[in-house]
Protein backbone atom coordinates (compact mmCIF):
# COMPACT_ATOMS: atom_id res chain seq x y z
CA MET A 1 -52.96 -68.03 -182.11
CA ALA A 2 -51.10 -67.80 -185.64
CA GLU A 3 -48.21 -71.00 -186.83
CA GLY A 4 -45.96 -70.67 -189.42
CA THR A 5 -42.70 -70.57 -190.27
CA ILE A 6 -40.79 -67.16 -189.62
CA LYS A 7 -40.12 -65.45 -192.99
CA LYS A 8 -38.58 -62.19 -191.86
CA LEU A 9 -37.26 -60.59 -188.62
CA THR A 10 -36.32 -57.00 -187.99
CA ASP A 11 -33.68 -55.44 -185.55
CA LYS A 12 -37.21 -52.93 -184.79
CA GLY A 13 -38.68 -56.13 -182.95
CA PHE A 14 -41.36 -57.21 -185.43
CA GLY A 15 -41.47 -60.06 -188.35
CA PHE A 16 -43.51 -61.85 -190.25
CA ILE A 17 -45.28 -65.50 -190.42
CA LYS A 18 -46.15 -67.23 -193.53
CA THR A 19 -48.42 -70.14 -192.69
CA THR A 20 -49.93 -72.87 -194.90
CA THR A 21 -52.34 -70.58 -196.75
CA ASP A 22 -49.37 -68.68 -198.03
CA LYS A 23 -50.67 -65.46 -196.20
CA ASP A 24 -48.12 -63.71 -194.28
CA ILE A 25 -49.33 -62.41 -190.90
CA PHE A 26 -47.47 -59.52 -188.76
CA PHE A 27 -46.15 -59.79 -185.34
CA HIS A 28 -44.86 -57.68 -182.66
CA SER A 29 -42.79 -59.10 -180.09
CA THR A 30 -44.52 -58.04 -177.29
CA ALA A 31 -47.29 -60.59 -178.46
CA LEU A 32 -44.82 -63.56 -178.24
CA GLN A 33 -45.75 -66.02 -175.75
CA GLY A 34 -43.60 -68.79 -174.36
CA VAL A 35 -40.08 -67.56 -176.19
CA GLU A 36 -37.92 -64.52 -176.38
CA PHE A 37 -37.56 -62.51 -179.86
CA ASP A 38 -33.85 -62.75 -180.10
CA ASP A 39 -34.21 -66.47 -179.49
CA LEU A 40 -36.46 -66.71 -183.11
CA GLN A 41 -34.22 -67.35 -186.39
CA GLU A 42 -35.82 -66.97 -189.76
CA GLY A 43 -36.93 -70.46 -191.71
């Protein structure tokens, strides 16, 4: 599972995570475990 800082969220249910290797990882709200998409914040 990817870990990092949320770089960008969209109103369409997906976003991007900035990892420690400075690579952005795409994610969709259906892949989230243990958290609701609406509870996430950038940064």
